[in-house]
């Protein structure tokens, strides 16, 4: 059972912040929040433009993770022709992208 006065002694803060310290902490918090918002707004948006007609950009499953197969013009035609010879999910993805972008192979 606590004795008289023990509660007040246990709940009294050891150190009270001065007005200057509170102002500095508030300013630091505001600068941090402003910087975080600036980063969010600077990186928001669509940074991946659509693929032009005649070019391919297919995201397929690779050995380690996602693999991007891309090319334009003759390079795209060669990649599409190469993928058309195989019967795998990766090849089907590339061929579907070739057909969607109207690349002849």
PDB file of N, CA and C in Angstrom:
ATOM      1  N   UNK A   1       0.850  -1.178   0.000  1.00  0.00           N
ATOM      2  CA  UNK A   1       0.000   0.000   0.000  1.00  0.00           C
ATOM      3  C   UNK A   1       0.895   1.240   0.000  1.00  0.00           C
ATOM      4  N   UNK A   2       0.653   2.158  -0.962  1.00  0.00           N
ATOM      5  CA  UNK A   2       1.495   3.361  -1.019  1.00  0.00           C
ATOM      6  C   UNK A   2       1.244   4.278   0.179  1.00  0.00           C
ATOM      7  N   UNK A   3       2.315   4.900   0.593  1.00  0.00           N
ATOM      8  CA  UNK A   3       2.200   5.832   1.699  1.00  0.00           C
ATOM      9  C   UNK A   3       1.810   7.204   1.188  1.00  0.00           C
ATOM     10  N   UNK A   4       1.423   8.062   2.102  1.00  0.00           N
ATOM     11  CA  UNK A   4       0.957   9.388   1.721  1.00  0.00           C
ATOM     12  C   UNK A   4       2.089  10.185   1.071  1.00  0.00           C
ATOM     13  N   UNK A   5       1.815  10.764  -0.116  1.00  0.00           N
ATOM     14  CA  UNK A   5       2.791  11.575  -0.821  1.00  0.00           C
ATOM     15  C   UNK A   5       3.646  10.800  -1.822  1.00  0.00           C
ATOM     16  N   UNK A   6       3.597   9.492  -1.776  1.00  0.00           N
ATOM     17  CA  UNK A   6       4.406   8.706  -2.709  1.00  0.00           C
ATOM     18  C   UNK A   6       3.914   8.846  -4.152  1.00  0.00           C
ATOM     19  N   UNK A   7       2.599   8.902  -4.362  1.00  0.00           N
ATOM     20  CA  UNK A   7       2.063   9.009  -5.714  1.00  0.00           C
ATOM     21  C   UNK A   7       2.526  10.311  -6.369  1.00  0.00           C
ATOM     22  N   UNK A   8       2.459  11.391  -5.643  1.00  0.00           N
ATOM     23  CA  UNK A   8       2.868  12.686  -6.189  1.00  0.00           C
ATOM     24  C   UNK A   8       4.350  12.680  -6.533  1.00  0.00           C
ATOM     25  N   UNK A   9       5.165  12.047  -5.715  1.00  0.00           N
ATOM     26  CA  UNK A   9       6.599  12.010  -5.972  1.00  0.00           C
ATOM     27  C   UNK A   9       6.915  11.131  -7.187  1.00  0.00           C
ATOM     28  N   UNK A  10       6.169  10.047  -7.375  1.00  0.00           N
ATOM     29  CA  UNK A  10       6.429   9.129  -8.483  1.00  0.00           C
ATOM     30  C   UNK A  10       5.947   9.687  -9.822  1.00  0.00           C
ATOM     31  N   UNK A  11       4.927  10.510  -9.829  1.00  0.00           N
ATOM     32  CA  UNK A  11       4.364  11.018 -11.078  1.00  0.00           C
ATOM     33  C   UNK A  11       4.848  12.417 -11.443  1.00  0.00           C
ATOM     34  N   UNK A  12       5.658  13.024 -10.620  1.00  0.00           N
ATOM     35  CA  UNK A  12       6.198  14.346 -10.931  1.00  0.00           C
ATOM     36  C   UNK A  12       7.354  14.184 -11.913  1.00  0.00           C
ATOM     37  N   UNK A  13       7.339  14.929 -13.052  1.00  0.00           N
ATOM     38  CA  UNK A  13       8.432  14.797 -14.014  1.00  0.00           C
ATOM     39  C   UNK A  13       9.758  15.274 -13.409  1.00  0.00           C
ATOM     40  N   UNK A  14      10.838  14.647 -13.834  1.00  0.00           N
ATOM     41  CA  UNK A  14      12.145  15.016 -13.330  1.00  0.00           C
ATOM     42  C   UNK A  14      12.594  16.366 -13.873  1.00  0.00           C
ATOM     43  N   UNK A  15      12.175  16.678 -15.120  1.00  0.00           N
ATOM     44  CA  UNK A  15      12.632  17.899 -15.758  1.00  0.00           C
ATOM     45  C   UNK A  15      11.504  18.436 -16.625  1.00  0.00           C
ATOM     46  N   UNK A  16      11.218  19.706 -16.504  1.00  0.00           N
ATOM     47  CA  UNK A  16      10.183  20.330 -17.322  1.00  0.00           C
ATOM     48  C   UNK A  16      10.855  21.087 -18.462  1.00  0.00           C
ATOM     49  N   UNK A  17      10.333  20.877 -19.686  1.00  0.00           N
ATOM     50  CA  UNK A  17      10.903  21.542 -20.853  1.00  0.00           C
ATOM     51  C   UNK A  17      10.657  23.043 -20.787  1.00  0.00           C
ATOM     52  N   UNK A  18      11.678  23.797 -21.197  1.00  0.00           N
ATOM     53  CA  UNK A  18      11.536  25.247 -21.237  1.00  0.00           C
ATOM     54  C   UNK A  18      10.770  25.645 -22.501  1.00  0.00           C
ATOM     55  N   UNK A  19      10.360  26.894 -22.562  1.00  0.00           N
ATOM     56  CA  UNK A  19       9.626  27.391 -23.732  1.00  0.00           C
ATOM     57  C   UNK A  19      10.512  27.316 -24.980  1.00  0.00           C
ATOM     58  N   UNK A  20      11.797  27.572 -24.823  1.00  0.00           N
ATOM     59  CA  UNK A  20      12.733  27.507 -25.955  1.00  0.00           C
ATOM     60  C   UNK A  20      12.842  26.077 -26.485  1.00  0.00           C
ATOM     61  N   UNK A  21      12.933  25.098 -25.594  1.00  0.00           N
ATOM     62  CA  UNK A  21      13.036  23.704 -26.009  1.00  0.00           C
ATOM     63  C   UNK A  21      11.763  23.225 -26.701  1.00  0.00           C
ATOM     64  N   UNK A  22      10.619  23.676 -26.211  1.00  0.00           N
ATOM     65  CA  UNK A  22       9.344  23.317 -26.853  1.00  0.00           C
ATOM     66  C   UNK A  22       9.274  23.929 -28.246  1.00  0.00           C
ATOM     67  N   UNK A  23       9.734  25.175 -28.391  1.00  0.00           N
ATOM     68  CA  UNK A  23       9.725  25.840 -29.700  1.00  0.00           C
ATOM     69  C   UNK A  23      10.652  25.115 -30.679  1.00  0.00           C
ATOM     70  N   UNK A  24      11.824  24.709 -30.228  1.00  0.00           N
ATOM     71  CA  UNK A  24      12.767  24.002 -31.095  1.00  0.00           C
ATOM     72  C   UNK A  24      12.200  22.646 -31.506  1.00  0.00           C
ATOM     73  N   UNK A  25      11.593  21.921 -30.579  1.00  0.00           N
ATOM     74  CA  UNK A  25      11.010  20.617 -30.900  1.00  0.00           C
ATOM     75  C   UNK A  25       9.856  20.773 -31.895  1.00  0.00           C
ATOM     76  N   UNK A  26       9.024  21.794 -31.707  1.00  0.00           N
ATOM     77  CA  UNK A  26       7.906  22.031 -32.628  1.00  0.00           C
ATOM     78  C   UNK A  26       8.407  22.388 -34.021  1.00  0.00           C
ATOM     79  N   UNK A  27       9.433  23.236 -34.094  1.00  0.00           N
ATOM     80  CA  UNK A  27       9.998  23.622 -35.385  1.00  0.00           C
ATOM     81  C   UNK A  27      10.608  22.412 -36.091  1.00  0.00           C
ATOM     82  N   UNK A  28      11.304  21.585 -35.345  1.00  0.00           N
ATOM     83  CA  UNK A  28      11.894  20.374 -35.921  1.00  0.00           C
ATOM     84  C   UNK A  28      10.813  19.447 -36.458  1.00  0.00           C
ATOM     85  N   UNK A  29       9.743  19.287 -35.714  1.00  0.00           N
ATOM     86  CA  UNK A  29       8.634  18.449 -36.161  1.00  0.00           C
ATOM     87  C   UNK A  29       7.998  19.012 -37.430  1.00  0.00           C
ATOM     88  N   UNK A  30       7.780  20.305 -37.506  1.00  0.00           N
ATOM     89  CA  UNK A  30       7.182  20.920 -38.691  1.00  0.00           C
ATOM     90  C   UNK A  30       8.092  20.785 -39.913  1.00  0.00           C
ATOM     91  N   UNK A  31       9.390  20.973 -39.744  1.00  0.00           N
ATOM     92  CA  UNK A  31      10.327  20.833 -40.859  1.00  0.00           C
ATOM     93  C   UNK A  31      10.341  19.389 -41.352  1.00  0.00           C
ATOM     94  N   UNK A  32      10.312  18.436 -40.430  1.00  0.00           N
ATOM     95  CA  UNK A  32      10.299  17.021 -40.810  1.00  0.00           C
ATOM     96  C   UNK A  32       9.035  16.668 -41.580  1.00  0.00           C
ATOM     97  N   UNK A  33       7.886  17.121 -41.106  1.00  0.00           N
ATOM     98  CA  UNK A  33       6.619  16.837 -41.795  1.00  0.00           C
ATOM     99  C   UNK A  33       6.604  17.498 -43.166  1.00  0.00           C
ATOM    100  N   UNK A  34       7.108  18.731 -43.270  1.00  0.00           N
ATOM    101  CA  UNK A  34       7.152  19.423 -44.561  1.00  0.00           C
ATOM    102  C   UNK A  34       8.067  18.688 -45.536  1.00  0.00           C
ATOM    103  N   UNK A  35       9.212  18.196 -45.058  1.00  0.00           N
ATOM    104  CA  UNK A  35      10.131  17.457 -45.926  1.00  0.00           C
ATOM    105  C   UNK A  35       9.502  16.145 -46.389  1.00  0.00           C
ATOM    106  N   UNK A  36       8.807  15.459 -45.507  1.00  0.00           N
ATOM    107  CA  UNK A  36       8.143  14.208 -45.891  1.00  0.00           C
ATOM    108  C   UNK A  36       7.060  14.465 -46.932  1.00  0.00           C
ATOM    109  N   UNK A  37       6.277  15.510 -46.752  1.00  0.00           N
ATOM    110  CA  UNK A  37       5.243  15.845 -47.734  1.00  0.00           C
ATOM    111  C   UNK A  37       5.862  16.236 -49.077  1.00  0.00           C
ATOM    112  N   UNK A  38       6.978  16.950 -49.045  1.00  0.00           N
ATOM    113  CA  UNK A  38       7.652  17.331 -50.290  1.00  0.00           C
ATOM    114  C   UNK A  38       8.123  16.093 -51.045  1.00  0.00           C
ATOM    115  N   UNK A  39       8.654  15.107 -50.332  1.00  0.00           N
ATOM    116  CA  UNK A  39       9.109  13.874 -50.982  1.00  0.00           C
ATOM    117  C   UNK A  39       7.926  13.123 -51.576  1.00  0.00           C
ATOM    118  N   UNK A  40       6.825  13.056 -50.843  1.00  0.00           N
ATOM    119  CA  UNK A  40       5.640  12.347 -51.341  1.00  0.00           C
ATOM    120  C   UNK A  40       5.097  13.023 -52.593  1.00  0.00           C
ATOM    121  N   UNK A  41       4.983  14.345 -52.580  1.00  0.00           N
ATOM    122  CA  UNK A  41       4.440  15.052 -53.740  1.00  0.00           C
ATOM    123  C   UNK A  41       5.410  15.028 -54.922  1.00  0.00           C
ATOM    124  N   UNK A  42       6.713  15.016 -54.649  1.00  0.00           N
ATOM    125  CA  UNK A  42       7.691  14.988 -55.741  1.00  0.00           C
ATOM    126  C   UNK A  42       7.701  13.640 -56.447  1.00  0.00           C
ATOM    127  N   UNK A  43       7.394  12.574 -55.734  1.00  0.00           N
ATOM    128  CA  UNK A  43       7.435  11.245 -56.340  1.00  0.00           C
ATOM    129  C   UNK A  43       6.066  10.743 -56.765  1.00  0.00           C
ATOM    130  N   UNK A  44       5.025  11.499 -56.529  1.00  0.00           N
ATOM    131  CA  UNK A  44       3.683  11.079 -56.926  1.00  0.00           C
ATOM    132  C   UNK A  44       3.510  11.285 -58.423  1.00  0.00           C
ATOM    133  N   UNK A  45       2.684  10.459 -59.016  1.00  0.00           N
ATOM    134  CA  UNK A  45       2.402  10.606 -60.441  1.00  0.00           C
ATOM    135  C   UNK A  45       2.830   9.381 -61.222  1.00  0.00           C
ATOM    136  N   UNK A  46       2.584   9.435 -62.501  1.00  0.00           N
ATOM    137  CA  UNK A  46       2.889   8.316 -63.376  1.00  0.00           C
ATOM    138  C   UNK A  46       4.210   8.599 -64.085  1.00  0.00           C
ATOM    139  N   UNK A  47       5.268   7.952 -63.642  1.00  0.00           N
ATOM    140  CA  UNK A  47       6.574   8.158 -64.258  1.00  0.00           C
ATOM    141  C   UNK A  47       6.868   7.113 -65.323  1.00  0.00           C
ATOM    142  N   UNK A  48       5.905   6.262 -65.616  1.00  0.00           N
ATOM    143  CA  UNK A  48       6.092   5.214 -66.618  1.00  0.00           C
ATOM    144  C   UNK A  48       5.157   5.493 -67.790  1.00  0.00           C
ATOM    145  N   UNK A  49       5.650   6.213 -68.811  1.00  0.00           N
ATOM    146  CA  UNK A  49       4.780   6.556 -69.938  1.00  0.00           C
ATOM    147  C   UNK A  49       4.382   5.310 -70.719  1.00  0.00           C
ATOM    148  N   UNK A  50       3.306   5.386 -71.490  1.00  0.00           N
ATOM    149  CA  UNK A  50       2.876   4.226 -72.276  1.00  0.00           C
ATOM    150  C   UNK A  50       3.911   3.883 -73.347  1.00  0.00           C
ATOM    151  N   UNK A  51       3.944   2.615 -73.705  1.00  0.00           N
ATOM    152  CA  UNK A  51       4.881   2.134 -74.719  1.00  0.00           C
ATOM    153  C   UNK A  51       4.432   2.601 -76.099  1.00  0.00           C
ATOM    154  N   UNK A  52       5.326   3.194 -76.894  1.00  0.00           N
ATOM    155  CA  UNK A  52       4.944   3.632 -78.241  1.00  0.00           C
ATOM    156  C   UNK A  52       4.619   2.440 -79.144  1.00  0.00           C
ATOM    157  N   UNK A  53       3.809   2.681 -80.169  1.00  0.00           N
ATOM    158  CA  UNK A  53       3.463   1.631 -81.124  1.00  0.00           C
ATOM    159  C   UNK A  53       4.747   1.227 -81.862  1.00  0.00           C
ATOM    160  N   UNK A  54       4.947  -0.066 -81.998  1.00  0.00           N
ATOM    161  CA  UNK A  54       6.149  -0.580 -82.633  1.00  0.00           C
ATOM    162  C   UNK A  54       7.237  -0.962 -81.654  1.00  0.00           C
ATOM    163  N   UNK A  55       7.008  -0.670 -80.400  1.00  0.00           N
ATOM    164  CA  UNK A  55       7.960  -1.043 -79.354  1.00  0.00           C
ATOM    165  C   UNK A  55       7.261  -1.984 -78.381  1.00  0.00           C
ATOM    166  N   UNK A  56       8.047  -2.791 -77.696  1.00  0.00           N
ATOM    167  CA  UNK A  56       7.466  -3.685 -76.694  1.00  0.00           C
ATOM    168  C   UNK A  56       8.133  -3.439 -75.352  1.00  0.00           C
ATOM    169  N   UNK A  57       7.363  -3.655 -74.298  1.00  0.00           N
ATOM    170  CA  UNK A  57       7.879  -3.614 -72.939  1.00  0.00           C
ATOM    171  C   UNK A  57       7.045  -4.594 -72.131  1.00  0.00           C
ATOM    172  N   UNK A  58       7.539  -5.812 -71.997  1.00  0.00           N
ATOM    173  CA  UNK A  58       6.799  -6.872 -71.315  1.00  0.00           C
ATOM    174  C   UNK A  58       7.459  -7.185 -69.975  1.00  0.00           C
ATOM    175  N   UNK A  59       6.660  -7.224 -68.913  1.00  0.00           N
ATOM    176  CA  UNK A  59       7.130  -7.611 -67.587  1.00  0.00           C
ATOM    177  C   UNK A  59       6.847  -9.098 -67.420  1.00  0.00           C
ATOM    178  N   UNK A  60       7.881  -9.884 -67.278  1.00  0.00           N
ATOM    179  CA  UNK A  60       7.715 -11.332 -67.144  1.00  0.00           C
ATOM    180  C   UNK A  60       8.404 -11.806 -65.868  1.00  0.00           C
ATOM    181  N   UNK A  61       8.076 -13.021 -65.469  1.00  0.00           N
ATOM    182  CA  UNK A  61       8.712 -13.618 -64.298  1.00  0.00           C
ATOM    183  C   UNK A  61      10.071 -14.156 -64.696  1.00  0.00           C
ATOM    184  N   UNK A  62      11.106 -13.679 -64.026  1.00  0.00           N
ATOM    185  CA  UNK A  62      12.460 -14.142 -64.302  1.00  0.00           C
ATOM    186  C   UNK A  62      12.935 -15.097 -63.220  1.00  0.00           C
ATOM    187  N   UNK A  63      14.209 -15.400 -63.228  1.00  0.00           N
ATOM    188  CA  UNK A  63      14.777 -16.334 -62.259  1.00  0.00           C
ATOM    189  C   UNK A  63      14.775 -15.736 -60.858  1.00  0.00           C
ATOM    190  N   UNK A  64      15.160 -14.488 -60.738  1.00  0.00           N
ATOM    191  CA  UNK A  64      15.263 -13.846 -59.430  1.00  0.00           C
ATOM    192  C   UNK A  64      14.034 -13.005 -59.102  1.00  0.00           C
ATOM    193  N   UNK A  65      13.377 -12.475 -60.111  1.00  0.00           N
ATOM    194  CA  UNK A  65      12.217 -11.615 -59.915  1.00  0.00           C
ATOM    195  C   UNK A  65      11.684 -11.170 -61.255  1.00  0.00           C
ATOM    196  N   UNK A  66      11.048 -10.011 -61.257  1.00  0.00           N
ATOM    197  CA  UNK A  66      10.477  -9.501 -62.503  1.00  0.00           C
ATOM    198  C   UNK A  66      11.581  -9.150 -63.495  1.00  0.00           C
ATOM    199  N   UNK A  67      11.337  -9.461 -64.741  1.00  0.00           N
ATOM    200  CA  UNK A  67      12.292  -9.191 -65.815  1.00  0.00           C
ATOM    201  C   UNK A  67      11.564  -8.390 -66.891  1.00  0.00           C
ATOM    202  N   UNK A  68      12.185  -7.323 -67.357  1.00  0.00           N
ATOM    203  CA  UNK A  68      11.593  -6.497 -68.403  1.00  0.00           C
ATOM    204  C   UNK A  68      12.232  -6.850 -69.740  1.00  0.00           C
ATOM    205  N   UNK A  69      11.399  -7.214 -70.694  1.00  0.00           N
ATOM    206  CA  UNK A  69      11.859  -7.483 -72.049  1.00  0.00           C
ATOM    207  C   UNK A  69      11.347  -6.339 -72.908  1.00  0.00           C
ATOM    208  N   UNK A  70      12.274  -5.557 -73.463  1.00  0.00           N
ATOM    209  CA  UNK A  70      11.857  -4.379 -74.225  1.00  0.00           C
ATOM    210  C   UNK A  70      12.721  -4.223 -75.468  1.00  0.00           C
ATOM    211  N   UNK A  71      12.172  -3.508 -76.416  1.00  0.00           N
ATOM    212  CA  UNK A  71      12.885  -3.231 -77.661  1.00  0.00           C
ATOM    213  C   UNK A  71      11.985  -2.474 -78.612  1.00  0.00           C
ATOM    214  N   UNK A  72      12.597  -1.857 -79.606  1.00  0.00           N
ATOM    215  CA  UNK A  72      11.857  -1.110 -80.625  1.00  0.00           C
ATOM    216  C   UNK A  72      12.348  -1.511 -82.010  1.00  0.00           C
ATOM    217  N   UNK A  73      11.440  -1.435 -82.966  1.00  0.00           N
ATOM    218  CA  UNK A  73      11.788  -1.677 -84.361  1.00  0.00           C
ATOM    219  C   UNK A  73      12.233  -3.103 -84.630  1.00  0.00           C
ATOM    220  N   UNK A  74      13.404  -3.245 -85.272  1.00  0.00           N
ATOM    221  CA  UNK A  74      13.916  -4.564 -85.644  1.00  0.00           C
ATOM    222  C   UNK A  74      14.234  -5.410 -84.419  1.00  0.00           C
ATOM    223  N   UNK A  75      14.682  -4.768 -83.355  1.00  0.00           N
ATOM    224  CA  UNK A  75      14.981  -5.502 -82.123  1.00  0.00           C
ATOM    225  C   UNK A  75      13.706  -6.108 -81.540  1.00  0.00           C
ATOM    226  N   UNK A  76      12.621  -5.352 -81.572  1.00  0.00           N
ATOM    227  CA  UNK A  76      11.341  -5.863 -81.075  1.00  0.00           C
ATOM    228  C   UNK A  76      10.853  -7.019 -81.941  1.00  0.00           C
ATOM    229  N   UNK A  77      11.000  -6.893 -83.249  1.00  0.00           N
ATOM    230  CA  UNK A  77      10.588  -7.979 -84.147  1.00  0.00           C
ATOM    231  C   UNK A  77      11.384  -9.248 -83.881  1.00  0.00           C
ATOM    232  N   UNK A  78      12.693  -9.101 -83.640  1.00  0.00           N
ATOM    233  CA  UNK A  78      13.534 -10.267 -83.361  1.00  0.00           C
ATOM    234  C   UNK A  78      13.139 -10.925 -82.042  1.00  0.00           C
ATOM    235  N   UNK A  79      12.869 -10.125 -81.023  1.00  0.00           N
ATOM    236  CA  UNK A  79      12.474 -10.686 -79.729  1.00  0.00           C
ATOM    237  C   UNK A  79      11.112 -11.364 -79.813  1.00  0.00           C
ATOM    238  N   UNK A  80      10.203 -10.775 -80.581  1.00  0.00           N
ATOM    239  CA  UNK A  80       8.875 -11.384 -80.751  1.00  0.00           C
ATOM    240  C   UNK A  80       8.974 -12.705 -81.513  1.00  0.00           C
ATOM    241  N   UNK A  81       9.799 -12.728 -82.569  1.00  0.00           N
ATOM    242  CA  UNK A  81       9.967 -13.954 -83.345  1.00  0.00           C
ATOM    243  C   UNK A  81      10.619 -15.042 -82.493  1.00  0.00           C
ATOM    244  N   UNK A  82      11.561 -14.661 -81.658  1.00  0.00           N
ATOM    245  CA  UNK A  82      12.226 -15.620 -80.780  1.00  0.00           C
ATOM    246  C   UNK A  82      11.235 -16.182 -79.754  1.00  0.00           C
ATOM    247  N   UNK A  83      10.418 -15.317 -79.163  1.00  0.00           N
ATOM    248  CA  UNK A  83       9.454 -15.760 -78.152  1.00  0.00           C
ATOM    249  C   UNK A  83       8.356 -16.619 -78.752  1.00  0.00           C
ATOM    250  N   UNK A  84       8.019 -16.391 -80.026  1.00  0.00           N
ATOM    251  CA  UNK A  84       6.942 -17.144 -80.675  1.00  0.00           C
ATOM    252  C   UNK A  84       7.311 -18.613 -80.877  1.00  0.00           C
ATOM    253  N   UNK A  85       8.602 -18.931 -80.834  1.00  0.00           N
ATOM    254  CA  UNK A  85       9.040 -20.318 -81.034  1.00  0.00           C
ATOM    255  C   UNK A  85       8.884 -21.174 -79.783  1.00  0.00           C
ATOM    256  N   UNK A  86       8.594 -20.557 -78.639  1.00  0.00           N
ATOM    257  CA  UNK A  86       8.546 -21.295 -77.377  1.00  0.00           C
ATOM    258  C   UNK A  86       7.125 -21.382 -76.843  1.00  0.00           C
ATOM    259  N   UNK A  87       6.899 -22.331 -75.941  1.00  0.00           N
ATOM    260  CA  UNK A  87       5.589 -22.507 -75.324  1.00  0.00           C
ATOM    261  C   UNK A  87       5.760 -22.445 -73.802  1.00  0.00           C
ATOM    262  N   UNK A  88       5.984 -21.246 -73.304  1.00  0.00           N
ATOM    263  CA  UNK A  88       6.142 -21.037 -71.866  1.00  0.00           C
ATOM    264  C   UNK A  88       5.348 -19.792 -71.472  1.00  0.00           C
ATOM    265  N   UNK A  89       5.062 -19.631 -70.181  1.00  0.00           N
ATOM    266  CA  UNK A  89       4.324 -18.434 -69.755  1.00  0.00           C
ATOM    267  C   UNK A  89       5.051 -17.142 -70.114  1.00  0.00           C
ATOM    268  N   UNK A  90       6.379 -17.149 -70.004  1.00  0.00           N
ATOM    269  CA  UNK A  90       7.146 -15.955 -70.358  1.00  0.00           C
ATOM    270  C   UNK A  90       6.999 -15.645 -71.847  1.00  0.00           C
ATOM    271  N   UNK A  91       7.084 -16.661 -72.681  1.00  0.00           N
ATOM    272  CA  UNK A  91       6.946 -16.462 -74.126  1.00  0.00           C
ATOM    273  C   UNK A  91       5.547 -15.981 -74.480  1.00  0.00           C
ATOM    274  N   UNK A  92       4.531 -16.536 -73.813  1.00  0.00           N
ATOM    275  CA  UNK A  92       3.153 -16.097 -74.072  1.00  0.00           C
ATOM    276  C   UNK A  92       2.964 -14.626 -73.701  1.00  0.00           C
ATOM    277  N   UNK A  93       3.602 -14.195 -72.616  1.00  0.00           N
ATOM    278  CA  UNK A  93       3.507 -12.791 -72.211  1.00  0.00           C
ATOM    279  C   UNK A  93       4.146 -11.880 -73.244  1.00  0.00           C
ATOM    280  N   UNK A  94       5.302 -12.271 -73.743  1.00  0.00           N
ATOM    281  CA  UNK A  94       5.997 -11.453 -74.746  1.00  0.00           C
ATOM    282  C   UNK A  94       5.196 -11.414 -76.042  1.00  0.00           C
ATOM    283  N   UNK A  95       4.678 -12.544 -76.472  1.00  0.00           N
ATOM    284  CA  UNK A  95       3.891 -12.590 -77.713  1.00  0.00           C
ATOM    285  C   UNK A  95       2.617 -11.749 -77.565  1.00  0.00           C
ATOM    286  N   UNK A  96       1.980 -11.814 -76.412  1.00  0.00           N
ATOM    287  CA  UNK A  96       0.777 -10.999 -76.193  1.00  0.00           C
ATOM    288  C   UNK A  96       1.109  -9.515 -76.262  1.00  0.00           C
ATOM    289  N   UNK A  97       2.259  -9.116 -75.710  1.00  0.00           N
ATOM    290  CA  UNK A  97       2.683  -7.716 -75.786  1.00  0.00           C
ATOM    291  C   UNK A  97       2.988  -7.334 -77.226  1.00  0.00           C
ATOM    292  N   UNK A  98       3.582  -8.249 -77.985  1.00  0.00           N
ATOM    293  CA  UNK A  98       3.884  -7.978 -79.401  1.00  0.00           C
ATOM    294  C   UNK A  98       2.604  -7.761 -80.198  1.00  0.00           C
ATOM    295  N   UNK A  99       1.618  -8.594 -79.936  1.00  0.00           N
ATOM    296  CA  UNK A  99       0.337  -8.452 -80.639  1.00  0.00           C
ATOM    297  C   UNK A  99      -0.374  -7.166 -80.216  1.00  0.00           C
ATOM    298  N   UNK A 100      -0.304  -6.825 -78.951  1.00  0.00           N
ATOM    299  CA  UNK A 100      -0.955  -5.609 -78.479  1.00  0.00           C
ATOM    300  C   UNK A 100      -0.302  -4.351 -79.070  1.00  0.00           C
ATOM    301  N   UNK A 101       0.993  -4.408 -79.298  1.00  0.00           N
ATOM    302  CA  UNK A 101       1.714  -3.247 -79.853  1.00  0.00           C
ATOM    303  C   UNK A 101       1.843  -3.310 -81.377  1.00  0.00           C
ATOM    304  N   UNK A 102       1.216  -4.323 -82.001  1.00  0.00           N
ATOM    305  CA  UNK A 102       1.193  -4.481 -83.445  1.00  0.00           C
ATOM    306  C   UNK A 102       2.598  -4.617 -84.054  1.00  0.00           C
ATOM    307  N   UNK A 103       3.442  -5.398 -83.392  1.00  0.00           N
ATOM    308  CA  UNK A 103       4.780  -5.676 -83.920  1.00  0.00           C
ATOM    309  C   UNK A 103       4.678  -6.925 -84.786  1.00  0.00           C
ATOM    310  N   UNK A 104       5.151  -6.832 -86.006  1.00  0.00           N
ATOM    311  CA  UNK A 104       5.079  -7.967 -86.926  1.00  0.00           C
ATOM    312  C   UNK A 104       6.259  -8.898 -86.686  1.00  0.00           C
ATOM    313  N   UNK A 105       5.971 -10.202 -86.638  1.00  0.00           N
ATOM    314  CA  UNK A 105       7.053 -11.183 -86.442  1.00  0.00           C
ATOM    315  C   UNK A 105       6.737 -12.454 -87.181  1.00  0.00           C
TER     316      UNK A 105
END
